[in-house]
């Protein structure tokens, strides 16, 4: 529903049940050519969810052209082969929450328009600018500070770091050697318990919360 109240005019078709239209009369004000009333059985067949909502929106995919040279003086994410759709969608949502406007995805990342990514992003895809770039291309063009999250490195709680690119690594392999070598600094989230590592999206949330305050 957030897509209908946003400034992005990207909704091409809106499928909805009669019941849902009755409960949301403002939908009747939409362009009749875009709004298609159908039954709940048809909505369930169209949806990828086991328990779909009573509205499905077919929308245009946004196409961004992000110049790595422009990512200076602000915080951004570089996602190094993030493969879990739930993690990617959550990281988009984290970026949206902390005002991080740009997310770069390396080759090997899950499709940002995977249905599970869209669902877990909870509307963040409408506001975050994102683009896939090969690691080598990003490294050669970037003029930002690059901070690679790693099990070893400086504690993120002990530093006031200048804005730059936060690198979040693959769920099982972590940040690639290529990105670690390119990093200006390795940053670490120290723990006190016995867990071996943090979930990628959890780590992204902690880093964003700490770093955007500095």
Protein backbone atom coordinates (compact mmCIF):
# COMPACT_ATOMS: atom_id res chain seq x y z
CA UNK A 1 0.00 0.00 0.00
CA UNK A 2 2.93 2.36 0.61
CA UNK A 3 3.60 2.49 -3.10
CA UNK A 4 0.21 4.13 -3.67
CA UNK A 5 0.90 6.92 -1.20
CA UNK A 6 4.46 7.60 -2.37
CA UNK A 7 5.63 10.22 -4.85
CA UNK A 8 6.75 7.46 -7.22
CA UNK A 9 4.25 7.06 -10.04
CA UNK A 10 5.35 3.52 -10.86
CA UNK A 11 2.20 1.46 -10.27
CA UNK A 12 1.16 0.01 -13.64
CA UNK A 13 -1.63 -2.35 -12.56
CA UNK A 14 -3.49 -2.75 -9.27
CA UNK A 15 -5.38 -5.97 -8.62
CA UNK A 16 -7.74 -5.87 -5.67
CA UNK A 17 -10.73 -7.74 -4.24
CA UNK A 18 -14.17 -6.18 -4.00
CA UNK A 19 -13.97 -6.49 -0.22
CA UNK A 20 -10.69 -4.60 -0.02
CA UNK A 21 -12.00 -1.81 -2.23
CA UNK A 22 -15.00 -1.49 0.08
CA UNK A 23 -12.73 -1.21 3.12
CA UNK A 24 -10.44 1.31 1.35
CA UNK A 25 -12.77 3.59 -0.64
CA UNK A 26 -9.94 5.96 -1.57
CA UNK A 27 -8.74 3.30 -4.02
CA UNK A 28 -11.80 4.00 -6.12
CA UNK A 29 -10.29 7.37 -6.97
CA UNK A 30 -7.44 5.69 -8.83
CA UNK A 31 -7.29 5.54 -12.59
CA UNK A 32 -9.90 2.96 -13.65
CA UNK A 33 -7.54 1.68 -16.34
CA UNK A 34 -5.03 0.69 -13.65
CA UNK A 35 -7.43 -0.76 -11.09
CA UNK A 36 -8.64 -4.29 -11.76
CA UNK A 37 -11.13 -5.85 -9.36
CA UNK A 38 -10.81 -9.60 -9.07
CA UNK A 39 -11.62 -12.42 -6.66
CA UNK A 40 -9.56 -13.70 -3.73
CA UNK A 41 -8.80 -17.00 -5.47
CA UNK A 42 -7.20 -15.19 -8.42
CA UNK A 43 -5.19 -12.97 -6.07
CA UNK A 44 -3.85 -16.06 -4.31
CA UNK A 45 -2.82 -17.58 -7.65
CA UNK A 46 -0.95 -14.41 -8.61
CA UNK A 47 0.82 -13.96 -5.28
CA UNK A 48 4.02 -15.66 -4.15
CA UNK A 49 2.87 -15.52 -0.52
CA UNK A 50 1.02 -18.31 1.25
CA UNK A 51 -1.38 -15.79 2.80
CA UNK A 52 -1.51 -12.87 0.34
CA UNK A 53 -3.03 -9.49 0.99
CA UNK A 54 -6.19 -8.48 -0.86
CA UNK A 55 -4.21 -6.19 -3.16
CA UNK A 56 -1.37 -6.87 -5.61
CA UNK A 57 0.48 -4.09 -7.41
CA UNK A 58 2.48 -4.51 -10.61
CA UNK A 59 5.05 -1.72 -10.60
CA UNK A 60 7.87 -0.42 -12.76
CA UNK A 61 11.38 -1.34 -11.64
CA UNK A 62 13.51 1.71 -10.94
CA UNK A 63 16.83 2.04 -12.74
CA UNK A 64 19.54 4.03 -10.96
CA UNK A 65 22.94 5.13 -12.23
CA UNK A 66 25.14 5.74 -9.19
CA UNK A 67 28.60 7.20 -9.70
CA UNK A 68 30.88 5.82 -6.93
CA UNK A 69 32.79 9.11 -7.05
CA UNK A 70 29.67 10.89 -5.77
CA UNK A 71 29.53 8.86 -2.54
CA UNK A 72 31.72 11.24 -0.56
CA UNK A 73 30.78 13.04 2.63
CA UNK A 74 27.94 10.63 3.36
CA UNK A 75 27.36 7.07 4.56
CA UNK A 76 26.47 4.30 2.13
CA UNK A 77 26.44 0.49 2.04
CA UNK A 78 28.41 -1.84 -0.21
CA UNK A 79 26.94 -5.34 -0.03
CA UNK A 80 29.50 -8.04 -0.83
CA UNK A 81 27.60 -11.04 -2.24
CA UNK A 82 24.62 -10.92 0.14
CA UNK A 83 22.56 -13.92 -0.95
CA UNK A 84 19.67 -14.20 1.51
CA UNK A 85 16.63 -12.21 0.29
CA UNK A 86 15.45 -11.56 3.85
CA UNK A 87 18.84 -10.09 4.75
CA UNK A 88 18.94 -7.87 1.67
CA UNK A 89 15.43 -6.54 2.23
CA UNK A 90 16.19 -5.88 5.89
CA UNK A 91 19.39 -4.02 5.01
CA UNK A 92 17.41 -1.81 2.62
CA UNK A 93 15.02 -1.10 5.47
CA UNK A 94 17.93 -0.35 7.84
CA UNK A 95 19.44 2.04 5.29
CA UNK A 96 16.09 3.79 4.97
CA UNK A 97 15.75 4.11 8.76
CA UNK A 98 19.19 5.65 9.27
CA UNK A 99 19.04 7.94 6.24
CA UNK A 100 21.59 6.01 4.17
CA UNK A 101 20.47 6.86 0.65
CA UNK A 102 22.72 4.63 -1.48
CA UNK A 103 23.29 0.88 -1.52
CA UNK A 104 25.76 -0.71 -3.93
CA UNK A 105 25.38 -4.43 -4.61
CA UNK A 106 28.31 -6.49 -5.81
CA UNK A 107 27.99 -9.20 -8.41
CA UNK A 108 26.64 -12.33 -6.74
CA UNK A 109 24.05 -10.52 -4.62
CA UNK A 110 20.46 -11.73 -4.65
CA UNK A 111 18.15 -9.90 -7.07
CA UNK A 112 16.89 -6.76 -5.28
CA UNK A 113 13.48 -7.35 -6.89
CA UNK A 114 13.20 -10.88 -5.53
CA UNK A 115 9.68 -11.04 -3.99
CA UNK A 116 11.10 -11.86 -0.55
CA UNK A 117 13.44 -8.86 -0.76
CA UNK A 118 10.57 -6.56 -1.68
CA UNK A 119 8.43 -7.94 1.14
CA UNK A 120 11.09 -7.61 3.86
CA UNK A 121 12.17 -4.14 2.64
CA UNK A 122 8.72 -2.83 3.66
CA UNK A 123 8.66 0.06 1.18
CA UNK A 124 12.33 1.03 1.51
CA UNK A 125 12.91 0.26 -2.19
CA UNK A 126 10.82 3.33 -2.96
CA UNK A 127 13.35 5.61 -1.28
CA UNK A 128 16.77 3.94 -1.45
CA UNK A 129 18.90 4.32 -4.57
CA UNK A 130 20.65 1.06 -5.41
CA UNK A 131 22.72 -0.40 -8.21
CA UNK A 132 24.81 -3.48 -8.93
CA UNK A 133 28.48 -2.81 -9.67
CA UNK A 134 31.41 -5.22 -9.99
CA UNK A 135 33.80 -4.95 -7.05
CA UNK A 136 36.78 -4.00 -9.21
CA UNK A 137 34.81 -1.22 -10.89
CA UNK A 138 33.63 0.17 -7.57
CA UNK A 139 37.11 0.02 -5.99
CA UNK A 140 38.79 1.79 -8.91
CA UNK A 141 36.19 4.57 -9.02
CA UNK A 142 35.48 5.12 -5.34
CA UNK A 143 36.89 8.20 -3.62
CA UNK A 144 35.21 7.45 -0.29
CA UNK A 145 36.57 5.94 2.90
CA UNK A 146 35.89 2.20 2.76
CA UNK A 147 35.19 0.36 6.02
CA UNK A 148 35.10 -3.43 5.86
CA UNK A 149 33.21 -5.21 8.62
CA UNK A 150 35.38 -8.06 9.91
CA UNK A 151 35.91 -10.27 12.94
CA UNK A 152 39.22 -8.49 13.49
CA UNK A 153 39.79 -4.74 13.32
CA UNK A 154 39.11 -1.65 15.40
CA UNK A 155 36.04 -1.63 17.62
CA UNK A 156 33.32 0.43 15.99
CA UNK A 157 32.41 1.76 19.44
CA UNK A 158 35.84 3.30 20.08
CA UNK A 159 36.19 5.51 17.02
CA UNK A 160 34.68 8.60 15.43
CA UNK A 161 35.01 7.69 11.78
CA UNK A 162 34.48 10.04 8.87
CA UNK A 163 31.55 9.15 6.57
CA UNK A 164 32.23 6.49 4.00
CA UNK A 165 31.17 3.13 2.58
CA UNK A 166 30.24 0.35 5.02
CA UNK A 167 31.03 -3.06 3.49
CA UNK A 168 28.78 -5.92 4.65
CA UNK A 169 30.03 -9.38 3.74
CA UNK A 170 28.49 -12.61 2.56
CA UNK A 171 26.50 -14.59 5.13
CA UNK A 172 28.93 -17.52 5.26
CA UNK A 173 32.21 -16.18 3.84
CA UNK A 174 32.21 -12.61 5.17
CA UNK A 175 33.82 -9.73 3.31
CA UNK A 176 35.85 -10.91 0.31
CA UNK A 177 39.63 -10.59 0.28
CA UNK A 178 39.30 -8.13 -2.59
CA UNK A 179 37.18 -5.73 -0.53
CA UNK A 180 39.26 -6.20 2.63
CA UNK A 181 42.40 -5.28 0.71
CA UNK A 182 40.70 -2.19 -0.72
CA UNK A 183 39.39 -1.06 2.67
CA UNK A 184 40.88 1.94 4.44
CA UNK A 185 39.95 0.36 7.77
CA UNK A 186 38.57 -2.89 9.13
CA UNK A 187 35.85 -2.36 11.72
CA UNK A 188 34.62 -4.85 14.28
CA UNK A 189 31.56 -5.22 16.51
CA UNK A 190 32.90 -6.69 19.76
CA UNK A 191 30.74 -9.24 21.54
CA UNK A 192 30.65 -10.66 25.06
CA UNK A 193 28.91 -13.99 24.51
CA UNK A 194 29.77 -17.21 22.75
CA UNK A 195 28.21 -16.64 19.31
CA UNK A 196 30.70 -17.01 16.48
CA UNK A 197 29.27 -14.20 14.35
CA UNK A 198 26.35 -11.88 13.73
CA UNK A 199 23.71 -12.14 11.05
CA UNK A 200 24.60 -9.85 8.12
CA UNK A 201 21.52 -7.66 8.51
CA UNK A 202 21.97 -7.43 12.30
CA UNK A 203 25.59 -6.34 11.79
CA UNK A 204 24.47 -3.76 9.22
CA UNK A 205 21.93 -2.36 11.68
CA UNK A 206 24.46 -2.03 14.52
CA UNK A 207 27.10 -0.45 12.28
CA UNK A 208 24.63 1.99 10.76
CA UNK A 209 23.28 2.95 14.18
CA UNK A 210 26.74 3.61 15.61
CA UNK A 211 28.45 5.18 12.60
CA UNK A 212 25.73 7.57 11.48
CA UNK A 213 25.89 9.22 14.90
CA UNK A 214 29.58 10.04 14.53
